[in-house]
Amino acid sequence: MDHQQNRLTDQDIANDLLCGLKELALGYHMASTEAANQGVWNTFVNSHDEIMKQQRELWETMYSKGWYQVKGAHDVQIQHQGFGGGVSPTQRM
């Protein structure tokens, strides 16, 4: 935020929108797991997919402007935090 003028910047607004889209996607995902029938499930899944597309487009715009920094992870971080609970593929076999 531009503290001298107490105004939101485009980056502030984009960050807020990105957070909101992430929350919406999570909500639609959770709702789809509780859907009582196929029609309701389809509605939730379609809404989720549309929100995910919008989130990705916004993320790409933010990244191209330098507003979203992606930090590289060391192999150890990936192993401990990634899918599989820190177990390497060879350990699962």
PDB file of N, CA and C in Angstrom:
ATOM      1  N   MET A   1       0.849  -1.172   0.000  1.00  0.00           N
ATOM      2  CA  MET A   1       0.000   0.000   0.000  1.00  0.00           C
ATOM      3  C   MET A   1       0.890   1.228   0.000  1.00  0.00           C
ATOM      4  N   ASP A   2       0.488   2.235  -0.723  1.00  0.00           N
ATOM      5  CA  ASP A   2       1.186   3.516  -0.752  1.00  0.00           C
ATOM      6  C   ASP A   2       0.819   4.249   0.528  1.00  0.00           C
ATOM      7  N   HIS A   3       1.702   4.165   1.534  1.00  0.00           N
ATOM      8  CA  HIS A   3       1.387   4.709   2.856  1.00  0.00           C
ATOM      9  C   HIS A   3       1.329   6.226   2.875  1.00  0.00           C
ATOM     10  N   GLN A   4       2.021   6.876   1.958  1.00  0.00           N
ATOM     11  CA  GLN A   4       1.988   8.336   1.942  1.00  0.00           C
ATOM     12  C   GLN A   4       0.604   8.843   1.564  1.00  0.00           C
ATOM     13  N   GLN A   5      -0.088   8.110   0.732  1.00  0.00           N
ATOM     14  CA  GLN A   5      -1.402   8.551   0.280  1.00  0.00           C
ATOM     15  C   GLN A   5      -2.523   7.647   0.789  1.00  0.00           C
ATOM     16  N   ASN A   6      -2.157   6.571   1.512  1.00  0.00           N
ATOM     17  CA  ASN A   6      -3.141   5.595   1.992  1.00  0.00           C
ATOM     18  C   ASN A   6      -4.015   5.085   0.857  1.00  0.00           C
ATOM     19  N   ARG A   7      -3.368   4.759  -0.245  1.00  0.00           N
ATOM     20  CA  ARG A   7      -4.085   4.249  -1.408  1.00  0.00           C
ATOM     21  C   ARG A   7      -3.591   2.850  -1.732  1.00  0.00           C
ATOM     22  N   LEU A   8      -4.495   2.023  -2.178  1.00  0.00           N
ATOM     23  CA  LEU A   8      -4.114   0.687  -2.618  1.00  0.00           C
ATOM     24  C   LEU A   8      -3.474   0.780  -3.994  1.00  0.00           C
ATOM     25  N   THR A   9      -2.390   0.048  -4.169  1.00  0.00           N
ATOM     26  CA  THR A   9      -1.751  -0.020  -5.476  1.00  0.00           C
ATOM     27  C   THR A   9      -2.392  -1.149  -6.285  1.00  0.00           C
ATOM     28  N   ASP A  10      -2.078  -1.187  -7.564  1.00  0.00           N
ATOM     29  CA  ASP A  10      -2.555  -2.294  -8.392  1.00  0.00           C
ATOM     30  C   ASP A  10      -2.054  -3.627  -7.843  1.00  0.00           C
ATOM     31  N   GLN A  11      -0.830  -3.634  -7.335  1.00  0.00           N
ATOM     32  CA  GLN A  11      -0.280  -4.856  -6.760  1.00  0.00           C
ATOM     33  C   GLN A  11      -1.058  -5.276  -5.515  1.00  0.00           C
ATOM     34  N   ASP A  12      -1.428  -4.330  -4.668  1.00  0.00           N
ATOM     35  CA  ASP A  12      -2.227  -4.639  -3.474  1.00  0.00           C
ATOM     36  C   ASP A  12      -3.559  -5.269  -3.868  1.00  0.00           C
ATOM     37  N   ILE A  13      -4.198  -4.679  -4.851  1.00  0.00           N
ATOM     38  CA  ILE A  13      -5.500  -5.176  -5.305  1.00  0.00           C
ATOM     39  C   ILE A  13      -5.353  -6.570  -5.899  1.00  0.00           C
ATOM     40  N   ALA A  14      -4.318  -6.769  -6.717  1.00  0.00           N
ATOM     41  CA  ALA A  14      -4.090  -8.080  -7.322  1.00  0.00           C
ATOM     42  C   ALA A  14      -3.826  -9.137  -6.252  1.00  0.00           C
ATOM     43  N   ASN A  15      -3.033  -8.804  -5.245  1.00  0.00           N
ATOM     44  CA  ASN A  15      -2.773  -9.749  -4.149  1.00  0.00           C
ATOM     45  C   ASN A  15      -4.058 -10.120  -3.426  1.00  0.00           C
ATOM     46  N   ASP A  16      -4.901  -9.138  -3.174  1.00  0.00           N
ATOM     47  CA  ASP A  16      -6.170  -9.391  -2.500  1.00  0.00           C
ATOM     48  C   ASP A  16      -7.067 -10.286  -3.356  1.00  0.00           C
ATOM     49  N   LEU A  17      -7.129  -9.996  -4.647  1.00  0.00           N
ATOM     50  CA  LEU A  17      -7.930 -10.823  -5.551  1.00  0.00           C
ATOM     51  C   LEU A  17      -7.404 -12.253  -5.609  1.00  0.00           C
ATOM     52  N   LEU A  18      -6.086 -12.397  -5.659  1.00  0.00           N
ATOM     53  CA  LEU A  18      -5.498 -13.731  -5.718  1.00  0.00           C
ATOM     54  C   LEU A  18      -5.859 -14.539  -4.472  1.00  0.00           C
ATOM     55  N   CYS A  19      -5.770 -13.914  -3.317  1.00  0.00           N
ATOM     56  CA  CYS A  19      -6.153 -14.594  -2.067  1.00  0.00           C
ATOM     57  C   CYS A  19      -7.625 -14.985  -2.088  1.00  0.00           C
ATOM     58  N   GLY A  20      -8.465 -14.091  -2.569  1.00  0.00           N
ATOM     59  CA  GLY A  20      -9.893 -14.382  -2.652  1.00  0.00           C
ATOM     60  C   GLY A  20     -10.195 -15.534  -3.594  1.00  0.00           C
ATOM     61  N   LEU A  21      -9.521 -15.561  -4.741  1.00  0.00           N
ATOM     62  CA  LEU A  21      -9.730 -16.650  -5.696  1.00  0.00           C
ATOM     63  C   LEU A  21      -9.265 -17.982  -5.124  1.00  0.00           C
ATOM     64  N   LYS A  22      -8.179 -17.974  -4.385  1.00  0.00           N
ATOM     65  CA  LYS A  22      -7.710 -19.201  -3.744  1.00  0.00           C
ATOM     66  C   LYS A  22      -8.742 -19.716  -2.746  1.00  0.00           C
ATOM     67  N   GLU A  23      -9.303 -18.820  -1.961  1.00  0.00           N
ATOM     68  CA  GLU A  23     -10.323 -19.218  -0.978  1.00  0.00           C
ATOM     69  C   GLU A  23     -11.577 -19.751  -1.670  1.00  0.00           C
ATOM     70  N   LEU A  24     -11.991 -19.105  -2.757  1.00  0.00           N
ATOM     71  CA  LEU A  24     -13.152 -19.595  -3.508  1.00  0.00           C
ATOM     72  C   LEU A  24     -12.896 -20.991  -4.059  1.00  0.00           C
ATOM     73  N   ALA A  25     -11.712 -21.204  -4.615  1.00  0.00           N
ATOM     74  CA  ALA A  25     -11.379 -22.521  -5.160  1.00  0.00           C
ATOM     75  C   ALA A  25     -11.441 -23.585  -4.069  1.00  0.00           C
ATOM     76  N   LEU A  26     -10.901 -23.268  -2.903  1.00  0.00           N
ATOM     77  CA  LEU A  26     -10.963 -24.217  -1.786  1.00  0.00           C
ATOM     78  C   LEU A  26     -12.406 -24.497  -1.376  1.00  0.00           C
ATOM     79  N   GLY A  27     -13.212 -23.454  -1.340  1.00  0.00           N
ATOM     80  CA  GLY A  27     -14.615 -23.624  -0.969  1.00  0.00           C
ATOM     81  C   GLY A  27     -15.374 -24.510  -1.943  1.00  0.00           C
ATOM     82  N   TYR A  28     -15.186 -24.271  -3.243  1.00  0.00           N
ATOM     83  CA  TYR A  28     -15.852 -25.108  -4.246  1.00  0.00           C
ATOM     84  C   TYR A  28     -15.340 -26.542  -4.197  1.00  0.00           C
ATOM     85  N   HIS A  29     -14.063 -26.701  -3.935  1.00  0.00           N
ATOM     86  CA  HIS A  29     -13.512 -28.053  -3.817  1.00  0.00           C
ATOM     87  C   HIS A  29     -14.176 -28.798  -2.656  1.00  0.00           C
ATOM     88  N   MET A  30     -14.222 -28.152  -1.502  1.00  0.00           N
ATOM     89  CA  MET A  30     -14.837 -28.791  -0.336  1.00  0.00           C
ATOM     90  C   MET A  30     -16.320 -29.057  -0.567  1.00  0.00           C
ATOM     91  N   ALA A  31     -17.006 -28.103  -1.182  1.00  0.00           N
ATOM     92  CA  ALA A  31     -18.434 -28.284  -1.444  1.00  0.00           C
ATOM     93  C   ALA A  31     -18.671 -29.469  -2.376  1.00  0.00           C
ATOM     94  N   SER A  32     -17.796 -29.652  -3.356  1.00  0.00           N
ATOM     95  CA  SER A  32     -17.985 -30.764  -4.295  1.00  0.00           C
ATOM     96  C   SER A  32     -17.851 -32.115  -3.598  1.00  0.00           C
ATOM     97  N   THR A  33     -17.065 -32.179  -2.538  1.00  0.00           N
ATOM     98  CA  THR A  33     -16.926 -33.450  -1.822  1.00  0.00           C
ATOM     99  C   THR A  33     -18.171 -33.785  -1.007  1.00  0.00           C
ATOM    100  N   GLU A  34     -19.030 -32.794  -0.793  1.00  0.00           N
ATOM    101  CA  GLU A  34     -20.247 -32.994  -0.006  1.00  0.00           C
ATOM    102  C   GLU A  34     -21.515 -32.965  -0.855  1.00  0.00           C
ATOM    103  N   ALA A  35     -21.365 -32.873  -2.175  1.00  0.00           N
ATOM    104  CA  ALA A  35     -22.531 -32.741  -3.053  1.00  0.00           C
ATOM    105  C   ALA A  35     -23.446 -33.956  -2.942  1.00  0.00           C
ATOM    106  N   ALA A  36     -24.745 -33.680  -2.847  1.00  0.00           N
ATOM    107  CA  ALA A  36     -25.728 -34.737  -2.631  1.00  0.00           C
ATOM    108  C   ALA A  36     -26.135 -35.441  -3.921  1.00  0.00           C
ATOM    109  N   ASN A  37     -25.958 -34.791  -5.065  1.00  0.00           N
ATOM    110  CA  ASN A  37     -26.323 -35.431  -6.327  1.00  0.00           C
ATOM    111  C   ASN A  37     -25.402 -34.954  -7.448  1.00  0.00           C
ATOM    112  N   GLN A  38     -25.499 -35.618  -8.578  1.00  0.00           N
ATOM    113  CA  GLN A  38     -24.594 -35.353  -9.694  1.00  0.00           C
ATOM    114  C   GLN A  38     -24.715 -33.925 -10.221  1.00  0.00           C
ATOM    115  N   GLY A  39     -25.924 -33.389 -10.285  1.00  0.00           N
ATOM    116  CA  GLY A  39     -26.113 -32.030 -10.784  1.00  0.00           C
ATOM    117  C   GLY A  39     -25.422 -30.990  -9.914  1.00  0.00           C
ATOM    118  N   VAL A  40     -25.561 -31.141  -8.618  1.00  0.00           N
ATOM    119  CA  VAL A  40     -24.912 -30.216  -7.684  1.00  0.00           C
ATOM    120  C   VAL A  40     -23.398 -30.378  -7.777  1.00  0.00           C
ATOM    121  N   TRP A  41     -22.938 -31.621  -7.840  1.00  0.00           N
ATOM    122  CA  TRP A  41     -21.505 -31.879  -7.963  1.00  0.00           C
ATOM    123  C   TRP A  41     -20.948 -31.223  -9.220  1.00  0.00           C
ATOM    124  N   ASN A  42     -21.647 -31.389 -10.351  1.00  0.00           N
ATOM    125  CA  ASN A  42     -21.196 -30.778 -11.606  1.00  0.00           C
ATOM    126  C   ASN A  42     -21.086 -29.266 -11.482  1.00  0.00           C
ATOM    127  N   THR A  43     -22.067 -28.646 -10.838  1.00  0.00           N
ATOM    128  CA  THR A  43     -22.048 -27.192 -10.656  1.00  0.00           C
ATOM    129  C   THR A  43     -20.833 -26.763  -9.847  1.00  0.00           C
ATOM    130  N   PHE A  44     -20.571 -27.443  -8.753  1.00  0.00           N
ATOM    131  CA  PHE A  44     -19.416 -27.099  -7.917  1.00  0.00           C
ATOM    132  C   PHE A  44     -18.094 -27.317  -8.662  1.00  0.00           C
ATOM    133  N   VAL A  45     -17.984 -28.433  -9.357  1.00  0.00           N
ATOM    134  CA  VAL A  45     -16.742 -28.734 -10.076  1.00  0.00           C
ATOM    135  C   VAL A  45     -16.517 -27.731 -11.204  1.00  0.00           C
ATOM    136  N   ASN A  46     -17.563 -27.399 -11.947  1.00  0.00           N
ATOM    137  CA  ASN A  46     -17.421 -26.413 -13.021  1.00  0.00           C
ATOM    138  C   ASN A  46     -17.040 -25.045 -12.464  1.00  0.00           C
ATOM    139  N   SER A  47     -17.650 -24.667 -11.350  1.00  0.00           N
ATOM    140  CA  SER A  47     -17.311 -23.389 -10.719  1.00  0.00           C
ATOM    141  C   SER A  47     -15.863 -23.405 -10.234  1.00  0.00           C
ATOM    142  N   HIS A  48     -15.459 -24.505  -9.629  1.00  0.00           N
ATOM    143  CA  HIS A  48     -14.074 -24.654  -9.170  1.00  0.00           C
ATOM    144  C   HIS A  48     -13.099 -24.493 -10.334  1.00  0.00           C
ATOM    145  N   ASP A  49     -13.378 -25.178 -11.434  1.00  0.00           N
ATOM    146  CA  ASP A  49     -12.475 -25.131 -12.584  1.00  0.00           C
ATOM    147  C   ASP A  49     -12.375 -23.724 -13.161  1.00  0.00           C
ATOM    148  N   GLU A  50     -13.485 -23.008 -13.211  1.00  0.00           N
ATOM    149  CA  GLU A  50     -13.473 -21.636 -13.726  1.00  0.00           C
ATOM    150  C   GLU A  50     -12.664 -20.721 -12.806  1.00  0.00           C
ATOM    151  N   ILE A  51     -12.842 -20.873 -11.515  1.00  0.00           N
ATOM    152  CA  ILE A  51     -12.074 -20.070 -10.555  1.00  0.00           C
ATOM    153  C   ILE A  51     -10.584 -20.378 -10.687  1.00  0.00           C
ATOM    154  N   MET A  52     -10.236 -21.639 -10.870  1.00  0.00           N
ATOM    155  CA  MET A  52      -8.829 -22.011 -11.027  1.00  0.00           C
ATOM    156  C   MET A  52      -8.225 -21.371 -12.270  1.00  0.00           C
ATOM    157  N   LYS A  53      -8.980 -21.303 -13.350  1.00  0.00           N
ATOM    158  CA  LYS A  53      -8.485 -20.640 -14.566  1.00  0.00           C
ATOM    159  C   LYS A  53      -8.252 -19.157 -14.307  1.00  0.00           C
ATOM    160  N   GLN A  54      -9.194 -18.521 -13.633  1.00  0.00           N
ATOM    161  CA  GLN A  54      -9.053 -17.098 -13.320  1.00  0.00           C
ATOM    162  C   GLN A  54      -7.860 -16.861 -12.398  1.00  0.00           C
ATOM    163  N   GLN A  55      -7.697 -17.733 -11.416  1.00  0.00           N
ATOM    164  CA  GLN A  55      -6.575 -17.612 -10.485  1.00  0.00           C
ATOM    165  C   GLN A  55      -5.261 -17.727 -11.234  1.00  0.00           C
ATOM    166  N   ARG A  56      -5.171 -18.673 -12.154  1.00  0.00           N
ATOM    167  CA  ARG A  56      -3.929 -18.873 -12.907  1.00  0.00           C
ATOM    168  C   ARG A  56      -3.625 -17.663 -13.794  1.00  0.00           C
ATOM    169  N   GLU A  57      -4.634 -17.133 -14.459  1.00  0.00           N
ATOM    170  CA  GLU A  57      -4.433 -15.956 -15.303  1.00  0.00           C
ATOM    171  C   GLU A  57      -3.933 -14.770 -14.479  1.00  0.00           C
ATOM    172  N   LEU A  58      -4.530 -14.557 -13.318  1.00  0.00           N
ATOM    173  CA  LEU A  58      -4.094 -13.464 -12.453  1.00  0.00           C
ATOM    174  C   LEU A  58      -2.674 -13.716 -11.960  1.00  0.00           C
ATOM    175  N   TRP A  59      -2.383 -14.947 -11.550  1.00  0.00           N
ATOM    176  CA  TRP A  59      -1.037 -15.277 -11.086  1.00  0.00           C
ATOM    177  C   TRP A  59      -0.008 -15.003 -12.174  1.00  0.00           C
ATOM    178  N   GLU A  60      -0.300 -15.412 -13.411  1.00  0.00           N
ATOM    179  CA  GLU A  60       0.637 -15.193 -14.516  1.00  0.00           C
ATOM    180  C   GLU A  60       0.865 -13.703 -14.758  1.00  0.00           C
ATOM    181  N   THR A  61      -0.186 -12.910 -14.662  1.00  0.00           N
ATOM    182  CA  THR A  61      -0.049 -11.460 -14.814  1.00  0.00           C
ATOM    183  C   THR A  61       0.827 -10.894 -13.707  1.00  0.00           C
ATOM    184  N   MET A  62       0.555 -11.294 -12.479  1.00  0.00           N
ATOM    185  CA  MET A  62       1.338 -10.808 -11.347  1.00  0.00           C
ATOM    186  C   MET A  62       2.802 -11.222 -11.478  1.00  0.00           C
ATOM    187  N   TYR A  63       3.031 -12.449 -11.878  1.00  0.00           N
ATOM    188  CA  TYR A  63       4.398 -12.944 -12.032  1.00  0.00           C
ATOM    189  C   TYR A  63       5.136 -12.159 -13.116  1.00  0.00           C
ATOM    190  N   SER A  64       4.465 -11.884 -14.226  1.00  0.00           N
ATOM    191  CA  SER A  64       5.099 -11.156 -15.330  1.00  0.00           C
ATOM    192  C   SER A  64       5.461  -9.729 -14.937  1.00  0.00           C
ATOM    193  N   LYS A  65       4.735  -9.159 -13.981  1.00  0.00           N
ATOM    194  CA  LYS A  65       5.014  -7.799 -13.511  1.00  0.00           C
ATOM    195  C   LYS A  65       6.006  -7.773 -12.345  1.00  0.00           C
ATOM    196  N   GLY A  66       6.423  -8.957 -11.907  1.00  0.00           N
ATOM    197  CA  GLY A  66       7.349  -9.031 -10.783  1.00  0.00           C
ATOM    198  C   GLY A  66       6.670  -8.880  -9.439  1.00  0.00           C
ATOM    199  N   TRP A  67       5.355  -9.025  -9.400  1.00  0.00           N
ATOM    200  CA  TRP A  67       4.596  -8.863  -8.162  1.00  0.00           C
ATOM    201  C   TRP A  67       4.489 -10.150  -7.364  1.00  0.00           C
ATOM    202  N   TYR A  68       4.843 -11.262  -7.948  1.00  0.00           N
ATOM    203  CA  TYR A  68       4.760 -12.552  -7.268  1.00  0.00           C
ATOM    204  C   TYR A  68       6.092 -13.246  -7.465  1.00  0.00           C
ATOM    205  N   GLN A  69       6.836 -13.376  -6.402  1.00  0.00           N
ATOM    206  CA  GLN A  69       8.157 -13.986  -6.461  1.00  0.00           C
ATOM    207  C   GLN A  69       8.053 -15.460  -6.079  1.00  0.00           C
ATOM    208  N   VAL A  70       8.622 -16.294  -6.903  1.00  0.00           N
ATOM    209  CA  VAL A  70       8.652 -17.724  -6.629  1.00  0.00           C
ATOM    210  C   VAL A  70      10.030 -18.062  -6.091  1.00  0.00           C
ATOM    211  N   LYS A  71      10.052 -18.638  -4.908  1.00  0.00           N
ATOM    212  CA  LYS A  71      11.317 -19.015  -4.283  1.00  0.00           C
ATOM    213  C   LYS A  71      11.637 -20.459  -4.643  1.00  0.00           C
ATOM    214  N   GLY A  72      12.873 -20.696  -5.007  1.00  0.00           N
ATOM    215  CA  GLY A  72      13.309 -22.058  -5.292  1.00  0.00           C
ATOM    216  C   GLY A  72      13.438 -22.847  -4.007  1.00  0.00           C
ATOM    217  N   ALA A  73      13.129 -24.114  -4.073  1.00  0.00           N
ATOM    218  CA  ALA A  73      13.233 -24.976  -2.892  1.00  0.00           C
ATOM    219  C   ALA A  73      14.407 -25.925  -3.074  1.00  0.00           C
ATOM    220  N   HIS A  74      15.095 -26.172  -2.003  1.00  0.00           N
ATOM    221  CA  HIS A  74      16.166 -27.152  -2.026  1.00  0.00           C
ATOM    222  C   HIS A  74      15.541 -28.545  -2.051  1.00  0.00           C
ATOM    223  N   ASP A  75      16.277 -29.510  -2.559  1.00  0.00           N
ATOM    224  CA  ASP A  75      15.764 -30.876  -2.638  1.00  0.00           C
ATOM    225  C   ASP A  75      15.268 -31.380  -1.293  1.00  0.00           C
ATOM    226  N   VAL A  76      15.946 -31.015  -0.217  1.00  0.00           N
ATOM    227  CA  VAL A  76      15.533 -31.466   1.114  1.00  0.00           C
ATOM    228  C   VAL A  76      14.159 -30.913   1.455  1.00  0.00           C
ATOM    229  N   GLN A  77      13.908 -29.643   1.151  1.00  0.00           N
ATOM    230  CA  GLN A  77      12.602 -29.046   1.428  1.00  0.00           C
ATOM    231  C   GLN A  77      11.518 -29.756   0.637  1.00  0.00           C
ATOM    232  N   ILE A  78      11.783 -30.041  -0.626  1.00  0.00           N
ATOM    233  CA  ILE A  78      10.797 -30.717  -1.463  1.00  0.00           C
ATOM    234  C   ILE A  78      10.503 -32.098  -0.910  1.00  0.00           C
ATOM    235  N   GLN A  79      11.545 -32.822  -0.515  1.00  0.00           N
ATOM    236  CA  GLN A  79      11.359 -34.168   0.007  1.00  0.00           C
ATOM    237  C   GLN A  79      10.508 -34.156   1.272  1.00  0.00           C
ATOM    238  N   HIS A  80      10.721 -33.186   2.151  1.00  0.00           N
ATOM    239  CA  HIS A  80      10.007 -33.158   3.425  1.00  0.00           C
ATOM    240  C   HIS A  80       8.635 -32.516   3.329  1.00  0.00           C
ATOM    241  N   GLN A  81       8.413 -31.654   2.354  1.00  0.00           N
ATOM    242  CA  GLN A  81       7.153 -30.931   2.291  1.00  0.00           C
ATOM    243  C   GLN A  81       6.278 -31.343   1.121  1.00  0.00           C
ATOM    244  N   GLY A  82       6.813 -32.079   0.174  1.00  0.00           N
ATOM    245  CA  GLY A  82       6.060 -32.429  -1.019  1.00  0.00           C
ATOM    246  C   GLY A  82       5.085 -33.554  -0.768  1.00  0.00           C
ATOM    247  N   PHE A  83       4.437 -33.964  -1.849  1.00  0.00           N
ATOM    248  CA  PHE A  83       3.509 -35.078  -1.757  1.00  0.00           C
ATOM    249  C   PHE A  83       4.280 -36.326  -1.367  1.00  0.00           C
ATOM    250  N   GLY A  84       3.656 -37.185  -0.648  1.00  0.00           N
ATOM    251  CA  GLY A  84       4.294 -38.424  -0.242  1.00  0.00           C
ATOM    252  C   GLY A  84       4.846 -38.385   1.162  1.00  0.00           C
ATOM    253  N   GLY A  85       4.669 -37.281   1.858  1.00  0.00           N
ATOM    254  CA  GLY A  85       5.054 -37.199   3.254  1.00  0.00           C
ATOM    255  C   GLY A  85       6.540 -37.332   3.514  1.00  0.00           C
ATOM    256  N   GLY A  86       7.365 -36.895   2.556  1.00  0.00           N
ATOM    257  CA  GLY A  86       8.799 -36.929   2.764  1.00  0.00           C
ATOM    258  C   GLY A  86       9.436 -38.264   2.445  1.00  0.00           C
ATOM    259  N   VAL A  87       8.669 -39.166   1.868  1.00  0.00           N
ATOM    260  CA  VAL A  87       9.199 -40.472   1.504  1.00  0.00           C
ATOM    261  C   VAL A  87       9.575 -40.422   0.035  1.00  0.00           C
ATOM    262  N   SER A  88      10.810 -40.803  -0.272  1.00  0.00           N
ATOM    263  CA  SER A  88      11.236 -40.792  -1.670  1.00  0.00           C
ATOM    264  C   SER A  88      10.541 -41.920  -2.420  1.00  0.00           C
ATOM    265  N   PRO A  89      10.434 -41.809  -3.755  1.00  0.00           N
ATOM    266  CA  PRO A  89       9.766 -42.867  -4.527  1.00  0.00           C
ATOM    267  C   PRO A  89      10.392 -44.239  -4.311  1.00  0.00           C
ATOM    268  N   THR A  90      11.703 -44.311  -4.134  1.00  0.00           N
ATOM    269  CA  THR A  90      12.337 -45.615  -3.927  1.00  0.00           C
ATOM    270  C   THR A  90      12.024 -46.180  -2.549  1.00  0.00           C
ATOM    271  N   GLN A  91      11.755 -45.320  -1.572  1.00  0.00           N
ATOM    272  CA  GLN A  91      11.417 -45.798  -0.234  1.00  0.00           C
ATOM    273  C   GLN A  91      10.000 -46.359  -0.186  1.00  0.00           C
ATOM    274  N   ARG A  92       9.142 -45.926  -1.101  1.00  0.00           N
ATOM    275  CA  ARG A  92       7.754 -46.394  -1.106  1.00  0.00           C
ATOM    276  C   ARG A  92       7.639 -47.815  -1.623  1.00  0.00           C
ATOM    277  N   MET A  93       8.604 -48.248  -2.411  1.00  0.00           N
ATOM    278  CA  MET A  93       8.506 -49.565  -3.059  1.00  0.00           C
ATOM    279  C   MET A  93       8.773 -50.688  -2.119  1.00  0.00           C
TER     280      MET A  93
END
